[in-house]
Amino acid sequence: MMDEKTKNLIAQFQAYQQQLQAVLIQKESLKLQNLEIERALEELEKTKEEKAFKIAGQIMVLKPVEELKKELRELKENTELRIKSLEKSEERVSEKLKNLQKEIEEKVKV
């Protein structure tokens, strides 16, 4: 039979596991988005055209290639910052999970 504190620790542990999973999913999604941005930039670098189309909602808009490159570079920078932020969150949550796991193991052994 577990005491109330142990039950609370286990509930906390499960909540942190869910939080870690959400962070990992977000991070992976941003990494995929970043890859798409890199590919788009590569294609824009290869083109000899001065203008290219950008999808904006339900329409395609003709814009100067240099303007599109600038937008994509800014988007890439923002995405990379968000990935770094999520990595820090991942580290914090992982550390809390390790500490809680140790605490739970000590409680269960007794």
C-alpha atoms as a PDB file:
ATOM      1  CA  MET A   1       0.000   0.000   0.000  1.00  0.00           C
ATOM      2  CA  MET A   2       1.406   3.397  -1.035  1.00  0.00           C
ATOM      3  CA  ASP A   3       1.157   6.511   1.064  1.00  0.00           C
ATOM      4  CA  GLU A   4      -0.309   9.739  -0.277  1.00  0.00           C
ATOM      5  CA  LYS A   5       3.062  11.387  -0.881  1.00  0.00           C
ATOM      6  CA  THR A   6       4.232   8.489  -3.074  1.00  0.00           C
ATOM      7  CA  LYS A   7       0.996   8.634  -5.071  1.00  0.00           C
ATOM      8  CA  ASN A   8       1.517  12.370  -5.593  1.00  0.00           C
ATOM      9  CA  LEU A   9       5.106  11.778  -6.722  1.00  0.00           C
ATOM     10  CA  ILE A  10       3.947   9.197  -9.241  1.00  0.00           C
ATOM     11  CA  ALA A  11       1.256  11.568 -10.540  1.00  0.00           C
ATOM     12  CA  GLN A  12       3.884  14.301 -10.898  1.00  0.00           C
ATOM     13  CA  PHE A  13       6.183  11.883 -12.686  1.00  0.00           C
ATOM     14  CA  GLN A  14       3.452  10.967 -15.164  1.00  0.00           C
ATOM     15  CA  ALA A  15       2.644  14.636 -15.776  1.00  0.00           C
ATOM     16  CA  TYR A  16       6.304  15.374 -16.521  1.00  0.00           C
ATOM     17  CA  GLN A  17       6.446  12.380 -18.867  1.00  0.00           C
ATOM     18  CA  GLN A  18       3.510  13.810 -20.811  1.00  0.00           C
ATOM     19  CA  GLN A  19       5.119  17.241 -20.837  1.00  0.00           C
ATOM     20  CA  LEU A  20       8.378  15.767 -22.144  1.00  0.00           C
ATOM     21  CA  GLN A  21       6.520  13.910 -24.870  1.00  0.00           C
ATOM     22  CA  ALA A  22       4.757  17.125 -25.953  1.00  0.00           C
ATOM     23  CA  VAL A  23       8.081  18.992 -26.059  1.00  0.00           C
ATOM     24  CA  LEU A  24       9.678  16.240 -28.156  1.00  0.00           C
ATOM     25  CA  ILE A  25       6.779  16.261 -30.626  1.00  0.00           C
ATOM     26  CA  GLN A  26       6.963  20.054 -30.973  1.00  0.00           C
ATOM     27  CA  LYS A  27      10.732  19.927 -31.434  1.00  0.00           C
ATOM     28  CA  GLU A  28      10.487  17.260 -34.120  1.00  0.00           C
ATOM     29  CA  SER A  29       7.798  19.235 -35.937  1.00  0.00           C
ATOM     30  CA  LEU A  30       9.972  22.355 -35.912  1.00  0.00           C
ATOM     31  CA  LYS A  31      12.963  20.385 -37.176  1.00  0.00           C
ATOM     32  CA  LEU A  32      10.893  19.158 -40.123  1.00  0.00           C
ATOM     33  CA  GLN A  33       9.715  22.710 -40.784  1.00  0.00           C
ATOM     34  CA  ASN A  34      13.327  23.866 -40.677  1.00  0.00           C
ATOM     35  CA  LEU A  35      14.300  21.238 -43.266  1.00  0.00           C
ATOM     36  CA  GLU A  36      11.546  22.459 -45.580  1.00  0.00           C
ATOM     37  CA  ILE A  37      12.776  26.028 -45.197  1.00  0.00           C
ATOM     38  CA  GLU A  38      16.340  24.966 -46.003  1.00  0.00           C
ATOM     39  CA  ARG A  39      15.170  23.155 -49.138  1.00  0.00           C
ATOM     40  CA  ALA A  40      13.167  26.183 -50.268  1.00  0.00           C
ATOM     41  CA  LEU A  41      16.207  28.426 -49.724  1.00  0.00           C
ATOM     42  CA  GLU A  42      18.390  26.028 -51.706  1.00  0.00           C
ATOM     43  CA  GLU A  43      15.950  26.139 -54.612  1.00  0.00           C
ATOM     44  CA  LEU A  44      15.804  29.925 -54.510  1.00  0.00           C
ATOM     45  CA  GLU A  45      19.608  30.062 -54.535  1.00  0.00           C
ATOM     46  CA  LYS A  46      19.674  27.908 -57.685  1.00  0.00           C
ATOM     47  CA  THR A  47      17.130  29.916 -59.654  1.00  0.00           C
ATOM     48  CA  LYS A  48      18.095  32.524 -62.200  1.00  0.00           C
ATOM     49  CA  GLU A  49      14.620  34.068 -62.040  1.00  0.00           C
ATOM     50  CA  GLU A  50      14.085  37.439 -60.390  1.00  0.00           C
ATOM     51  CA  LYS A  51      10.626  36.546 -59.099  1.00  0.00           C
ATOM     52  CA  ALA A  52       9.045  33.410 -57.686  1.00  0.00           C
ATOM     53  CA  PHE A  53       5.682  32.371 -56.290  1.00  0.00           C
ATOM     54  CA  LYS A  54       4.883  32.177 -52.608  1.00  0.00           C
ATOM     55  CA  ILE A  55       1.827  30.341 -51.309  1.00  0.00           C
ATOM     56  CA  ALA A  56      -0.165  32.623 -49.036  1.00  0.00           C
ATOM     57  CA  GLY A  57      -3.278  30.889 -47.754  1.00  0.00           C
ATOM     58  CA  GLN A  58      -5.373  29.863 -50.750  1.00  0.00           C
ATOM     59  CA  ILE A  59      -3.460  31.912 -53.342  1.00  0.00           C
ATOM     60  CA  MET A  60      -0.014  32.130 -54.874  1.00  0.00           C
ATOM     61  CA  VAL A  61       1.687  35.515 -54.903  1.00  0.00           C
ATOM     62  CA  LEU A  62       4.529  36.560 -57.211  1.00  0.00           C
ATOM     63  CA  LYS A  63       7.353  38.133 -55.199  1.00  0.00           C
ATOM     64  CA  PRO A  64      10.985  39.065 -55.792  1.00  0.00           C
ATOM     65  CA  VAL A  65      13.330  36.146 -55.080  1.00  0.00           C
ATOM     66  CA  GLU A  66      15.512  38.259 -52.776  1.00  0.00           C
ATOM     67  CA  GLU A  67      12.482  39.191 -50.666  1.00  0.00           C
ATOM     68  CA  LEU A  68      11.491  35.526 -50.422  1.00  0.00           C
ATOM     69  CA  LYS A  69      15.026  34.572 -49.379  1.00  0.00           C
ATOM     70  CA  LYS A  70      14.966  37.223 -46.651  1.00  0.00           C
ATOM     71  CA  GLU A  71      11.602  35.995 -45.355  1.00  0.00           C
ATOM     72  CA  LEU A  72      12.779  32.390 -45.327  1.00  0.00           C
ATOM     73  CA  ARG A  73      16.042  33.243 -43.545  1.00  0.00           C
ATOM     74  CA  GLU A  74      14.099  35.096 -40.835  1.00  0.00           C
ATOM     75  CA  LEU A  75      11.662  32.197 -40.511  1.00  0.00           C
ATOM     76  CA  LYS A  76      14.586  29.759 -40.272  1.00  0.00           C
ATOM     77  CA  GLU A  77      16.217  31.862 -37.566  1.00  0.00           C
ATOM     78  CA  ASN A  78      12.972  31.996 -35.562  1.00  0.00           C
ATOM     79  CA  THR A  79      12.470  28.256 -35.954  1.00  0.00           C
ATOM     80  CA  GLU A  80      16.003  27.542 -34.759  1.00  0.00           C
ATOM     81  CA  LEU A  81      15.469  29.754 -31.699  1.00  0.00           C
ATOM     82  CA  ARG A  82      12.266  27.898 -30.866  1.00  0.00           C
ATOM     83  CA  ILE A  83      14.086  24.558 -31.257  1.00  0.00           C
ATOM     84  CA  LYS A  84      16.812  25.714 -28.840  1.00  0.00           C
ATOM     85  CA  SER A  85      14.161  26.834 -26.371  1.00  0.00           C
ATOM     86  CA  LEU A  86      12.445  23.452 -26.598  1.00  0.00           C
ATOM     87  CA  GLU A  87      15.778  21.691 -26.098  1.00  0.00           C
ATOM     88  CA  LYS A  88      16.281  23.640 -22.860  1.00  0.00           C
ATOM     89  CA  SER A  89      12.764  22.686 -21.756  1.00  0.00           C
ATOM     90  CA  GLU A  90      13.519  19.077 -22.642  1.00  0.00           C
ATOM     91  CA  GLU A  91      16.645  19.155 -20.449  1.00  0.00           C
ATOM     92  CA  ARG A  92      14.771  20.695 -17.516  1.00  0.00           C
ATOM     93  CA  VAL A  93      11.903  18.226 -17.694  1.00  0.00           C
ATOM     94  CA  SER A  94      14.268  15.261 -18.118  1.00  0.00           C
ATOM     95  CA  GLU A  95      16.197  16.356 -15.039  1.00  0.00           C
ATOM     96  CA  LYS A  96      12.978  16.641 -13.025  1.00  0.00           C
ATOM     97  CA  LEU A  97      11.967  13.177 -14.216  1.00  0.00           C
ATOM     98  CA  LYS A  98      15.301  11.699 -13.083  1.00  0.00           C
ATOM     99  CA  ASN A  99      14.974  13.315  -9.663  1.00  0.00           C
ATOM    100  CA  LEU A 100      11.379  12.179  -9.244  1.00  0.00           C
ATOM    101  CA  GLN A 101      12.278   8.664 -10.340  1.00  0.00           C
ATOM    102  CA  LYS A 102      14.997   8.469  -7.675  1.00  0.00           C
ATOM    103  CA  GLU A 103      12.597   9.790  -5.056  1.00  0.00           C
ATOM    104  CA  ILE A 104       9.888   7.302  -6.042  1.00  0.00           C
ATOM    105  CA  GLU A 105      12.358   4.402  -6.043  1.00  0.00           C
ATOM    106  CA  GLU A 106      13.486   5.342  -2.530  1.00  0.00           C
ATOM    107  CA  LYS A 107       9.876   5.498  -1.311  1.00  0.00           C
ATOM    108  CA  VAL A 108       8.976   2.150  -2.888  1.00  0.00           C
ATOM    109  CA  LYS A 109      12.052   0.371  -1.443  1.00  0.00           C
ATOM    110  CA  VAL A 110      11.099   1.295   2.106  1.00  0.00           C
END
